[in-house]
Amino acid sequence: MKRVISTWLLIVIAISSLAAQNGGPSWRPPTAAELGSAEDQKWREEDDPARYLVVTGDFDGDGKPDQARLMVRGDGKAFALFVKLAAKSAAIKLDEFPDIRMLPAIGIKRVAPATYPTACARGIDCAEDEPRYIRVKHDGIDFFKVESANTYYFWNDVRHAFSQVGIND
């Protein structure tokens, strides 16, 4: 438990440092109030209120544990998905979501390396260049809304950056 708290603190410091260097907003962990009522959070499991807010995996394939985390902007109006890669000093903001009211229904979990059908393969109207299948070579991140849409974020070895694709609509 102590290691989780210290890792948490290091990530918050790294994200805040990144924001300060770039003149951007500060970021922090969500409060209990921002996650909604106990009834809203039953799907997270009452014994672990942080469930689906933090996920660890080897996202870039370097053999070291990385961590993804949902964070709230300092003004409390938006939230974002950040990743702290073990080999990098600064956290990476993968996406920002402008409506904090969505947060009680949002979670993240680890995606195992495999080939996955995308929303396009499931019959959703897609642009011509959108893939029908993706190959996740390392651990990935499933960003989801409970009983709704999923987006996978995964490391692209060619671009040396994260890619994202809709899995369910």
N, C-alpha and C. Protein backbone atom coordinates (compact mmCIF):
# COMPACT_ATOMS: atom_id res chain seq x y z
N MET A 1 0.83 -1.19 0.00
CA MET A 1 0.00 0.00 0.00
C MET A 1 0.87 1.25 0.00
N LYS A 2 1.96 1.22 0.78
CA LYS A 2 2.86 2.37 0.86
C LYS A 2 3.47 2.67 -0.51
N ARG A 3 3.85 1.63 -1.26
CA ARG A 3 4.44 1.80 -2.59
C ARG A 3 3.43 2.42 -3.55
N VAL A 4 2.17 2.00 -3.47
CA VAL A 4 1.12 2.56 -4.33
C VAL A 4 0.95 4.04 -4.06
N ILE A 5 0.94 4.43 -2.77
CA ILE A 5 0.78 5.83 -2.41
C ILE A 5 1.98 6.64 -2.90
N SER A 6 3.21 6.13 -2.75
CA SER A 6 4.37 6.88 -3.20
C SER A 6 4.40 6.97 -4.72
N THR A 7 4.01 5.93 -5.43
CA THR A 7 3.92 5.98 -6.88
C THR A 7 2.89 7.01 -7.30
N TRP A 8 1.77 7.02 -6.63
CA TRP A 8 0.70 7.98 -6.85
C TRP A 8 1.24 9.38 -6.72
N LEU A 9 1.95 9.65 -5.63
CA LEU A 9 2.50 10.97 -5.36
C LEU A 9 3.49 11.37 -6.45
N LEU A 10 4.35 10.47 -6.86
CA LEU A 10 5.31 10.77 -7.92
C LEU A 10 4.60 11.12 -9.23
N ILE A 11 3.53 10.43 -9.53
CA ILE A 11 2.80 10.72 -10.76
C ILE A 11 2.12 12.08 -10.68
N VAL A 12 1.51 12.38 -9.55
CA VAL A 12 0.87 13.70 -9.38
C VAL A 12 1.92 14.79 -9.52
N ILE A 13 3.10 14.59 -8.92
CA ILE A 13 4.17 15.58 -9.03
C ILE A 13 4.63 15.72 -10.47
N ALA A 14 4.79 14.60 -11.18
CA ALA A 14 5.23 14.64 -12.58
C ALA A 14 4.20 15.37 -13.45
N ILE A 15 2.93 15.11 -13.23
CA ILE A 15 1.88 15.75 -14.02
C ILE A 15 1.83 17.24 -13.69
N SER A 16 1.91 17.59 -12.42
CA SER A 16 1.90 19.00 -12.04
C SER A 16 3.13 19.72 -12.58
N SER A 17 4.28 19.06 -12.57
CA SER A 17 5.51 19.64 -13.11
C SER A 17 5.37 19.88 -14.60
N LEU A 18 4.81 18.92 -15.33
CA LEU A 18 4.59 19.07 -16.76
C LEU A 18 3.69 20.27 -17.03
N ALA A 19 2.62 20.41 -16.27
CA ALA A 19 1.69 21.53 -16.44
C ALA A 19 2.40 22.85 -16.16
N ALA A 20 3.18 22.90 -15.08
CA ALA A 20 3.87 24.13 -14.72
C ALA A 20 4.88 24.54 -15.79
N GLN A 21 5.61 23.57 -16.34
CA GLN A 21 6.60 23.86 -17.37
C GLN A 21 5.95 24.40 -18.64
N ASN A 22 4.77 23.94 -18.93
CA ASN A 22 4.09 24.34 -20.16
C ASN A 22 3.08 25.46 -19.93
N GLY A 23 3.04 26.01 -18.73
CA GLY A 23 2.09 27.08 -18.44
C GLY A 23 0.64 26.63 -18.45
N GLY A 24 0.43 25.33 -18.32
CA GLY A 24 -0.93 24.78 -18.37
C GLY A 24 -1.54 24.62 -16.99
N PRO A 25 -2.73 24.06 -16.94
CA PRO A 25 -3.42 23.88 -15.67
C PRO A 25 -2.78 22.77 -14.83
N SER A 26 -3.04 22.81 -13.54
CA SER A 26 -2.59 21.73 -12.67
C SER A 26 -3.60 20.58 -12.75
N TRP A 27 -3.17 19.40 -12.36
CA TRP A 27 -4.01 18.20 -12.37
C TRP A 27 -3.88 17.51 -11.04
N ARG A 28 -4.94 16.83 -10.62
CA ARG A 28 -4.98 16.17 -9.33
C ARG A 28 -5.87 14.94 -9.41
N PRO A 29 -5.76 14.05 -8.41
CA PRO A 29 -6.67 12.89 -8.38
C PRO A 29 -8.11 13.36 -8.15
N PRO A 30 -9.09 12.60 -8.62
CA PRO A 30 -10.48 12.97 -8.37
C PRO A 30 -10.85 12.83 -6.90
N THR A 31 -11.75 13.70 -6.45
CA THR A 31 -12.27 13.60 -5.09
C THR A 31 -13.43 12.61 -5.08
N ALA A 32 -13.83 12.19 -3.90
CA ALA A 32 -14.98 11.29 -3.75
C ALA A 32 -16.23 11.96 -4.32
N ALA A 33 -16.39 13.26 -4.09
CA ALA A 33 -17.57 13.97 -4.60
C ALA A 33 -17.60 13.98 -6.12
N GLU A 34 -16.44 14.11 -6.76
CA GLU A 34 -16.39 14.12 -8.23
C GLU A 34 -16.69 12.75 -8.83
N LEU A 35 -16.50 11.70 -8.04
CA LEU A 35 -16.80 10.35 -8.50
C LEU A 35 -18.27 9.99 -8.32
N GLY A 36 -19.02 10.83 -7.63
CA GLY A 36 -20.45 10.59 -7.48
C GLY A 36 -20.80 9.90 -6.18
N SER A 37 -22.07 9.63 -6.03
CA SER A 37 -22.58 9.00 -4.81
C SER A 37 -22.13 7.54 -4.71
N ALA A 38 -22.29 6.98 -3.54
CA ALA A 38 -21.95 5.57 -3.33
C ALA A 38 -22.75 4.70 -4.30
N GLU A 39 -23.98 5.06 -4.54
CA GLU A 39 -24.82 4.31 -5.49
C GLU A 39 -24.22 4.38 -6.90
N ASP A 40 -23.74 5.58 -7.28
CA ASP A 40 -23.12 5.77 -8.60
C ASP A 40 -21.87 4.91 -8.76
N GLN A 41 -21.21 4.62 -7.65
CA GLN A 41 -19.91 3.97 -7.70
C GLN A 41 -19.90 2.49 -7.37
N LYS A 42 -21.07 1.87 -7.24
CA LYS A 42 -21.12 0.44 -6.91
C LYS A 42 -20.33 -0.39 -7.92
N TRP A 43 -20.32 0.03 -9.17
CA TRP A 43 -19.61 -0.73 -10.21
C TRP A 43 -18.09 -0.71 -9.98
N ARG A 44 -17.58 0.23 -9.21
CA ARG A 44 -16.13 0.28 -8.93
C ARG A 44 -15.74 -0.68 -7.79
N GLU A 45 -16.69 -1.17 -7.06
CA GLU A 45 -16.53 -2.03 -5.89
C GLU A 45 -16.15 -1.21 -4.67
N GLU A 46 -16.99 -1.28 -3.69
CA GLU A 46 -16.87 -0.44 -2.51
C GLU A 46 -15.57 -0.63 -1.74
N ASP A 47 -14.93 -1.81 -1.81
CA ASP A 47 -13.71 -2.02 -1.06
C ASP A 47 -12.50 -1.35 -1.70
N ASP A 48 -12.63 -0.83 -2.92
CA ASP A 48 -11.53 -0.15 -3.59
C ASP A 48 -12.06 1.01 -4.41
N PRO A 49 -12.22 2.18 -3.79
CA PRO A 49 -12.80 3.32 -4.51
C PRO A 49 -11.94 3.79 -5.69
N ALA A 50 -10.65 3.41 -5.74
CA ALA A 50 -9.78 3.80 -6.86
C ALA A 50 -9.85 2.81 -8.02
N ARG A 51 -10.64 1.75 -7.88
CA ARG A 51 -10.73 0.77 -8.95
C ARG A 51 -11.20 1.45 -10.24
N TYR A 52 -10.54 1.14 -11.32
CA TYR A 52 -10.81 1.69 -12.64
C TYR A 52 -10.40 3.15 -12.78
N LEU A 53 -9.62 3.67 -11.84
CA LEU A 53 -9.06 5.02 -11.97
C LEU A 53 -7.57 4.98 -12.29
N VAL A 54 -6.94 3.84 -11.99
CA VAL A 54 -5.50 3.65 -12.18
C VAL A 54 -5.29 2.28 -12.78
N VAL A 55 -4.38 2.19 -13.73
CA VAL A 55 -4.04 0.89 -14.30
C VAL A 55 -2.53 0.84 -14.56
N THR A 56 -1.94 -0.30 -14.25
CA THR A 56 -0.51 -0.50 -14.46
C THR A 56 -0.30 -1.56 -15.53
N GLY A 57 0.69 -1.33 -16.37
CA GLY A 57 1.04 -2.29 -17.41
C GLY A 57 2.31 -1.84 -18.09
N ASP A 58 2.83 -2.68 -18.94
CA ASP A 58 4.00 -2.31 -19.75
C ASP A 58 3.48 -1.78 -21.08
N PHE A 59 3.10 -0.51 -21.11
CA PHE A 59 2.42 0.07 -22.26
C PHE A 59 3.34 0.28 -23.47
N ASP A 60 4.63 0.54 -23.23
CA ASP A 60 5.53 0.81 -24.36
C ASP A 60 6.46 -0.35 -24.69
N GLY A 61 6.32 -1.46 -23.99
CA GLY A 61 7.08 -2.66 -24.32
C GLY A 61 8.54 -2.64 -23.91
N ASP A 62 8.91 -1.79 -22.94
CA ASP A 62 10.31 -1.74 -22.52
C ASP A 62 10.61 -2.67 -21.34
N GLY A 63 9.61 -3.43 -20.90
CA GLY A 63 9.80 -4.35 -19.79
C GLY A 63 9.66 -3.72 -18.42
N LYS A 64 9.33 -2.43 -18.36
CA LYS A 64 9.17 -1.72 -17.08
C LYS A 64 7.71 -1.36 -16.88
N PRO A 65 7.23 -1.39 -15.62
CA PRO A 65 5.82 -1.05 -15.37
C PRO A 65 5.55 0.44 -15.55
N ASP A 66 4.52 0.74 -16.32
CA ASP A 66 4.05 2.10 -16.56
C ASP A 66 2.70 2.24 -15.87
N GLN A 67 2.23 3.47 -15.72
CA GLN A 67 0.95 3.66 -15.04
C GLN A 67 0.10 4.68 -15.78
N ALA A 68 -1.18 4.34 -15.95
CA ALA A 68 -2.18 5.25 -16.51
C ALA A 68 -3.11 5.66 -15.39
N ARG A 69 -3.62 6.88 -15.46
CA ARG A 69 -4.42 7.40 -14.37
C ARG A 69 -5.40 8.45 -14.89
N LEU A 70 -6.61 8.43 -14.35
CA LEU A 70 -7.58 9.49 -14.62
C LEU A 70 -7.33 10.60 -13.61
N MET A 71 -7.20 11.82 -14.10
CA MET A 71 -6.90 12.98 -13.25
C MET A 71 -7.91 14.09 -13.55
N VAL A 72 -8.12 14.95 -12.57
CA VAL A 72 -9.05 16.07 -12.70
C VAL A 72 -8.25 17.36 -12.81
N ARG A 73 -8.67 18.23 -13.72
CA ARG A 73 -8.03 19.53 -13.87
C ARG A 73 -8.22 20.33 -12.58
N GLY A 74 -7.27 21.15 -12.23
CA GLY A 74 -7.28 21.91 -10.99
C GLY A 74 -8.55 22.70 -10.74
N ASP A 75 -9.21 23.18 -11.81
CA ASP A 75 -10.44 23.96 -11.63
C ASP A 75 -11.66 23.06 -11.42
N GLY A 76 -11.48 21.73 -11.51
CA GLY A 76 -12.57 20.78 -11.26
C GLY A 76 -13.61 20.69 -12.36
N LYS A 77 -13.34 21.24 -13.54
CA LYS A 77 -14.33 21.25 -14.62
C LYS A 77 -14.10 20.20 -15.69
N ALA A 78 -12.93 19.59 -15.72
CA ALA A 78 -12.60 18.61 -16.76
C ALA A 78 -11.75 17.50 -16.16
N PHE A 79 -11.60 16.41 -16.90
CA PHE A 79 -10.71 15.33 -16.47
C PHE A 79 -9.93 14.84 -17.68
N ALA A 80 -8.87 14.09 -17.42
CA ALA A 80 -8.00 13.64 -18.50
C ALA A 80 -7.41 12.28 -18.17
N LEU A 81 -6.94 11.62 -19.22
CA LEU A 81 -6.23 10.36 -19.10
C LEU A 81 -4.75 10.65 -19.29
N PHE A 82 -3.96 10.33 -18.26
CA PHE A 82 -2.51 10.51 -18.31
C PHE A 82 -1.82 9.17 -18.25
N VAL A 83 -0.63 9.08 -18.84
CA VAL A 83 0.23 7.91 -18.72
C VAL A 83 1.60 8.38 -18.28
N LYS A 84 2.15 7.69 -17.31
CA LYS A 84 3.53 7.93 -16.88
C LYS A 84 4.31 6.69 -17.27
N LEU A 85 5.13 6.84 -18.34
CA LEU A 85 6.00 5.75 -18.77
C LEU A 85 7.22 5.71 -17.86
N ALA A 86 7.65 4.52 -17.51
CA ALA A 86 8.78 4.36 -16.59
C ALA A 86 10.05 5.03 -17.13
N ALA A 87 10.24 5.01 -18.43
CA ALA A 87 11.46 5.54 -19.04
C ALA A 87 11.44 7.05 -19.27
N LYS A 88 10.33 7.71 -18.99
CA LYS A 88 10.21 9.16 -19.24
C LYS A 88 9.99 9.87 -17.91
N SER A 89 10.51 11.09 -17.82
CA SER A 89 10.35 11.84 -16.58
C SER A 89 9.00 12.54 -16.49
N ALA A 90 8.41 12.89 -17.62
CA ALA A 90 7.13 13.61 -17.61
C ALA A 90 5.99 12.67 -17.99
N ALA A 91 4.82 12.95 -17.43
CA ALA A 91 3.61 12.20 -17.79
C ALA A 91 3.11 12.71 -19.14
N ILE A 92 2.38 11.86 -19.85
CA ILE A 92 1.81 12.19 -21.16
C ILE A 92 0.29 12.28 -21.01
N LYS A 93 -0.28 13.38 -21.44
CA LYS A 93 -1.74 13.49 -21.43
C LYS A 93 -2.23 12.91 -22.75
N LEU A 94 -2.99 11.81 -22.67
CA LEU A 94 -3.48 11.15 -23.88
C LEU A 94 -4.75 11.79 -24.40
N ASP A 95 -5.60 12.25 -23.49
CA ASP A 95 -6.88 12.84 -23.91
C ASP A 95 -7.45 13.64 -22.76
N GLU A 96 -8.20 14.68 -23.10
CA GLU A 96 -8.88 15.50 -22.09
C GLU A 96 -10.36 15.54 -22.40
N PHE A 97 -11.17 15.47 -21.35
CA PHE A 97 -12.62 15.42 -21.49
C PHE A 97 -13.21 16.61 -20.74
N PRO A 98 -13.98 17.46 -21.42
CA PRO A 98 -14.38 18.74 -20.85
C PRO A 98 -15.52 18.71 -19.84
N ASP A 99 -16.18 17.59 -19.66
CA ASP A 99 -17.35 17.56 -18.78
C ASP A 99 -17.11 16.64 -17.58
N ILE A 100 -16.77 17.22 -16.45
CA ILE A 100 -16.49 16.45 -15.24
C ILE A 100 -17.68 15.59 -14.81
N ARG A 101 -18.87 15.98 -15.21
CA ARG A 101 -20.07 15.21 -14.82
C ARG A 101 -20.06 13.80 -15.41
N MET A 102 -19.24 13.54 -16.43
CA MET A 102 -19.13 12.20 -17.01
C MET A 102 -18.30 11.26 -16.15
N LEU A 103 -17.41 11.82 -15.32
CA LEU A 103 -16.43 11.02 -14.59
C LEU A 103 -17.01 9.87 -13.76
N PRO A 104 -18.16 10.02 -13.08
CA PRO A 104 -18.67 8.89 -12.30
C PRO A 104 -18.92 7.61 -13.12
N ALA A 105 -19.09 7.72 -14.41
CA ALA A 105 -19.36 6.55 -15.25
C ALA A 105 -18.15 6.14 -16.09
N ILE A 106 -16.98 6.73 -15.84
CA ILE A 106 -15.79 6.48 -16.64
C ILE A 106 -14.79 5.66 -15.86
N GLY A 107 -14.12 4.74 -16.56
CA GLY A 107 -13.06 3.94 -15.94
C GLY A 107 -12.00 3.57 -16.94
N ILE A 108 -10.90 3.03 -16.44
CA ILE A 108 -9.84 2.50 -17.28
C ILE A 108 -9.44 1.13 -16.75
N LYS A 109 -9.02 0.26 -17.65
CA LYS A 109 -8.49 -1.04 -17.26
C LYS A 109 -7.47 -1.49 -18.29
N ARG A 110 -6.68 -2.48 -17.92
CA ARG A 110 -5.61 -2.97 -18.79
C ARG A 110 -6.18 -3.82 -19.92
N VAL A 111 -5.58 -3.65 -21.09
CA VAL A 111 -5.91 -4.46 -22.26
C VAL A 111 -4.71 -5.36 -22.52
N ALA A 112 -4.91 -6.65 -22.61
CA ALA A 112 -3.83 -7.60 -22.87
C ALA A 112 -3.41 -7.54 -24.35
N PRO A 113 -2.15 -7.81 -24.64
CA PRO A 113 -1.72 -7.85 -26.03
C PRO A 113 -2.53 -8.89 -26.81
N ALA A 114 -3.06 -8.49 -27.95
CA ALA A 114 -3.85 -9.37 -28.81
C ALA A 114 -4.33 -8.56 -30.02
N THR A 115 -5.07 -9.21 -30.90
CA THR A 115 -5.71 -8.54 -32.03
C THR A 115 -7.17 -8.35 -31.66
N TYR A 116 -7.68 -7.12 -31.86
CA TYR A 116 -9.04 -6.77 -31.46
C TYR A 116 -9.83 -6.17 -32.62
N PRO A 117 -11.11 -6.56 -32.75
CA PRO A 117 -11.97 -5.89 -33.73
C PRO A 117 -12.31 -4.49 -33.21
N THR A 118 -12.36 -3.53 -34.10
CA THR A 118 -12.72 -2.15 -33.72
C THR A 118 -14.21 -1.94 -33.95
N ALA A 119 -14.65 -0.73 -33.65
CA ALA A 119 -16.05 -0.38 -33.89
C ALA A 119 -16.39 -0.57 -35.37
N CYS A 120 -15.42 -0.31 -36.25
CA CYS A 120 -15.65 -0.49 -37.70
C CYS A 120 -16.00 -1.94 -38.03
N ALA A 121 -15.31 -2.88 -37.40
CA ALA A 121 -15.58 -4.30 -37.64
C ALA A 121 -16.92 -4.71 -37.07
N ARG A 122 -17.44 -3.94 -36.14
CA ARG A 122 -18.72 -4.24 -35.52
C ARG A 122 -19.89 -3.56 -36.23
N GLY A 123 -19.61 -2.96 -37.39
CA GLY A 123 -20.69 -2.40 -38.19
C GLY A 123 -20.97 -0.93 -37.99
N ILE A 124 -20.14 -0.24 -37.23
CA ILE A 124 -20.30 1.20 -37.04
C ILE A 124 -19.79 1.90 -38.30
N ASP A 125 -20.47 2.94 -38.73
CA ASP A 125 -19.99 3.71 -39.88
C ASP A 125 -18.64 4.32 -39.54
N CYS A 126 -17.66 4.07 -40.41
CA CYS A 126 -16.31 4.54 -40.15
C CYS A 126 -15.74 5.22 -41.38
N ALA A 127 -14.75 6.06 -41.14
CA ALA A 127 -14.02 6.68 -42.24
C ALA A 127 -13.24 5.60 -42.98
N GLU A 128 -12.92 5.89 -44.21
CA GLU A 128 -12.24 4.91 -45.06
C GLU A 128 -10.90 4.45 -44.50
N ASP A 129 -10.19 5.34 -43.80
CA ASP A 129 -8.85 5.00 -43.29
C ASP A 129 -8.87 4.39 -41.88
N GLU A 130 -10.04 4.21 -41.30
CA GLU A 130 -10.10 3.63 -39.95
C GLU A 130 -9.96 2.10 -40.04
N PRO A 131 -9.16 1.53 -39.11
CA PRO A 131 -8.93 0.07 -39.17
C PRO A 131 -10.13 -0.73 -38.67
N ARG A 132 -10.28 -1.92 -39.22
CA ARG A 132 -11.32 -2.84 -38.75
C ARG A 132 -10.79 -3.68 -37.58
N TYR A 133 -9.49 -3.87 -37.55
CA TYR A 133 -8.83 -4.62 -36.47
C TYR A 133 -7.56 -3.90 -36.08
N ILE A 134 -7.19 -4.02 -34.79
CA ILE A 134 -5.91 -3.49 -34.33
C ILE A 134 -5.14 -4.61 -33.65
N ARG A 135 -3.83 -4.51 -33.72
CA ARG A 135 -2.97 -5.45 -33.01
C ARG A 135 -2.29 -4.68 -31.89
N VAL A 136 -2.66 -4.99 -30.68
CA VAL A 136 -2.05 -4.39 -29.49
C VAL A 136 -0.87 -5.28 -29.12
N LYS A 137 0.36 -4.78 -29.32
CA LYS A 137 1.56 -5.59 -29.12
C LYS A 137 2.01 -5.62 -27.66
N HIS A 138 1.68 -4.59 -26.90
CA HIS A 138 2.03 -4.49 -25.48
C HIS A 138 0.73 -4.28 -24.72
N ASP A 139 0.80 -4.15 -23.42
CA ASP A 139 -0.41 -3.82 -22.67
C ASP A 139 -0.98 -2.51 -23.22
N GLY A 140 -2.30 -2.41 -23.21
CA GLY A 140 -2.97 -1.19 -23.64
C GLY A 140 -3.92 -0.71 -22.55
N ILE A 141 -4.63 0.36 -22.85
CA ILE A 141 -5.55 0.97 -21.89
C ILE A 141 -6.95 0.99 -22.50
N ASP A 142 -7.88 0.42 -21.80
CA ASP A 142 -9.29 0.45 -22.19
C ASP A 142 -9.94 1.60 -21.42
N PHE A 143 -10.27 2.67 -22.12
CA PHE A 143 -10.97 3.81 -21.54
C PHE A 143 -12.44 3.57 -21.85
N PHE A 144 -13.27 3.45 -20.80
CA PHE A 144 -14.65 3.05 -21.05
C PHE A 144 -15.65 3.86 -20.25
N LYS A 145 -16.86 3.90 -20.78
CA LYS A 145 -18.01 4.42 -20.06
C LYS A 145 -18.83 3.19 -19.71
N VAL A 146 -19.21 3.06 -18.45
CA VAL A 146 -19.92 1.87 -17.99
C VAL A 146 -21.13 1.58 -18.89
N GLU A 147 -21.19 0.32 -19.33
CA GLU A 147 -22.29 -0.17 -20.17
C GLU A 147 -22.48 0.69 -21.42
N SER A 148 -21.36 1.17 -22.00
CA SER A 148 -21.45 2.02 -23.17
C SER A 148 -20.19 1.86 -24.02
N ALA A 149 -19.59 2.96 -24.42
CA ALA A 149 -18.49 2.98 -25.38
C ALA A 149 -17.13 2.64 -24.75
N ASN A 150 -16.22 2.14 -25.60
CA ASN A 150 -14.84 1.86 -25.22
C ASN A 150 -13.91 2.46 -26.28
N THR A 151 -12.80 3.00 -25.82
CA THR A 151 -11.71 3.40 -26.70
C THR A 151 -10.45 2.76 -26.17
N TYR A 152 -9.65 2.16 -27.05
CA TYR A 152 -8.38 1.58 -26.64
C TYR A 152 -7.27 2.57 -26.99
N TYR A 153 -6.36 2.77 -26.04
CA TYR A 153 -5.14 3.54 -26.25
C TYR A 153 -4.01 2.52 -26.19
N PHE A 154 -3.14 2.53 -27.19
CA PHE A 154 -2.08 1.54 -27.25
C PHE A 154 -0.84 2.14 -27.90
N TRP A 155 0.32 1.59 -27.54
CA TRP A 155 1.58 2.10 -28.02
C TRP A 155 1.81 1.67 -29.47
N ASN A 156 2.16 2.63 -30.30
CA ASN A 156 2.49 2.39 -31.70
C ASN A 156 4.01 2.38 -31.80
N ASP A 157 4.60 1.20 -32.04
CA ASP A 157 6.06 1.07 -32.08
C ASP A 157 6.69 1.86 -33.23
N VAL A 158 5.99 2.05 -34.31
CA VAL A 158 6.52 2.79 -35.46
C VAL A 158 6.59 4.28 -35.15
N ARG A 159 5.52 4.82 -34.58
CA ARG A 159 5.46 6.25 -34.28
C ARG A 159 6.08 6.61 -32.93
N HIS A 160 6.35 5.61 -32.09
CA HIS A 160 6.85 5.83 -30.72
C HIS A 160 5.93 6.78 -29.97
N ALA A 161 4.64 6.50 -30.08
CA ALA A 161 3.60 7.31 -29.44
C ALA A 161 2.36 6.44 -29.29
N PHE A 162 1.41 6.95 -28.52
CA PHE A 162 0.14 6.23 -28.36
C PHE A 162 -0.78 6.48 -29.53
N SER A 163 -1.54 5.46 -29.89
CA SER A 163 -2.63 5.56 -30.86
C SER A 163 -3.91 5.27 -30.10
N GLN A 164 -5.03 5.64 -30.70
CA GLN A 164 -6.31 5.32 -30.09
C GLN A 164 -7.29 4.91 -31.17
N VAL A 165 -8.24 4.07 -30.78
CA VAL A 165 -9.28 3.63 -31.71
C VAL A 165 -10.53 3.26 -30.92
N GLY A 166 -11.68 3.58 -31.49
CA GLY A 166 -12.94 3.22 -30.88
C GLY A 166 -13.18 1.72 -31.03
N ILE A 167 -13.58 1.08 -29.95
CA ILE A 167 -13.81 -0.36 -29.96
C ILE A 167 -15.32 -0.64 -29.97
N ASN A 168 -16.07 0.06 -29.16
CA ASN A 168 -17.52 -0.05 -29.12
C ASN A 168 -18.10 1.35 -29.12
N ASP A 169 -19.29 1.47 -29.67
CA ASP A 169 -19.94 2.78 -29.67
C ASP A 169 -21.12 2.77 -28.73
